[in-house]
Amino acid sequence: MPIKGSILKHKIEFDNARYFRFHVSVWKEGRIIDFGGVIESHSDQAVFINGGKYLKANCEFKVR
């Protein structure tokens, strides 16, 4: 299960964060680009949070 401050990398981590409704922030190049929220869904390429789409290849996702 993801813990506060951890970076989500693997499918199971994204699944757990979504299931347990953890708030996730979105980072790019070491800077926060969205304070985020709960993951609505995710695919192999993208994460959907609060109506936004963030590419996994370009961003980091941290549990808040």
Protein backbone atom coordinates (compact mmCIF):
# COMPACT_ATOMS: atom_id res chain seq x y z
CA MET A 1 0.00 0.00 0.00
CA PRO A 2 1.40 3.45 -0.87
CA ILE A 3 2.54 5.62 2.02
CA LYS A 4 2.58 9.40 2.26
CA GLY A 5 5.32 10.90 0.08
CA SER A 6 5.89 7.75 -1.96
CA ILE A 7 6.14 7.93 -5.74
CA LEU A 8 3.70 5.74 -7.67
CA LYS A 9 5.44 3.74 -10.41
CA HIS A 10 3.76 0.38 -10.83
CA LYS A 11 0.22 -0.55 -11.87
CA ILE A 12 -0.59 -2.05 -8.46
CA GLU A 13 0.49 1.18 -6.73
CA PHE A 14 -1.84 3.25 -8.92
CA ASP A 15 -4.62 0.68 -8.37
CA ASN A 16 -4.18 0.81 -4.57
CA ALA A 17 -4.04 4.62 -4.51
CA ARG A 18 -7.29 4.72 -6.48
CA TYR A 19 -9.02 2.02 -4.42
CA PHE A 20 -8.08 3.56 -1.06
CA ARG A 21 -8.77 7.08 -2.40
CA PHE A 22 -5.37 8.53 -1.58
CA HIS A 23 -4.78 12.10 -2.69
CA VAL A 24 -2.03 12.21 -5.30
CA SER A 25 -0.04 15.25 -6.48
CA VAL A 26 1.47 15.54 -9.96
CA TRP A 27 5.11 16.57 -10.50
CA LYS A 28 7.15 17.32 -13.61
CA GLU A 29 10.89 18.02 -13.70
CA GLY A 30 10.99 18.34 -9.90
CA ARG A 31 8.18 20.91 -9.72
CA ILE A 32 4.60 20.41 -8.67
CA ILE A 33 2.25 21.03 -11.59
CA ASP A 34 -1.00 20.02 -9.88
CA PHE A 35 -1.89 19.45 -6.26
CA GLY A 36 -4.08 16.73 -7.72
CA GLY A 37 -6.64 14.71 -5.85
CA VAL A 38 -8.02 11.19 -6.03
CA ILE A 39 -7.17 9.11 -9.10
CA GLU A 40 -10.30 8.65 -11.22
CA SER A 41 -8.68 6.08 -13.51
CA HIS A 42 -5.38 5.20 -15.15
CA SER A 43 -4.05 3.33 -18.16
CA ASP A 44 -0.58 2.18 -19.16
CA GLN A 45 0.09 5.69 -20.53
CA ALA A 46 -1.92 8.17 -18.44
CA VAL A 47 -3.45 9.02 -15.08
CA PHE A 48 -6.76 10.88 -14.79
CA ILE A 49 -7.21 13.13 -11.75
CA ASN A 50 -9.99 15.73 -11.31
CA GLY A 51 -10.78 15.72 -15.02
CA GLY A 52 -7.11 16.20 -15.98
CA LYS A 53 -4.99 13.78 -17.98
CA TYR A 54 -1.32 13.35 -17.05
CA LEU A 55 1.11 11.18 -19.00
CA LYS A 56 3.03 8.67 -16.91
CA ALA A 57 6.10 9.09 -19.14
CA ASN A 58 6.29 12.84 -18.39
CA CYS A 59 5.17 13.09 -14.76
CA GLU A 60 5.72 11.72 -11.27
CA PHE A 61 2.79 10.96 -9.00
CA LYS A 62 3.28 11.34 -5.25
CA VAL A 63 0.93 10.28 -2.47
CA ARG A 64 -0.02 13.34 -0.38
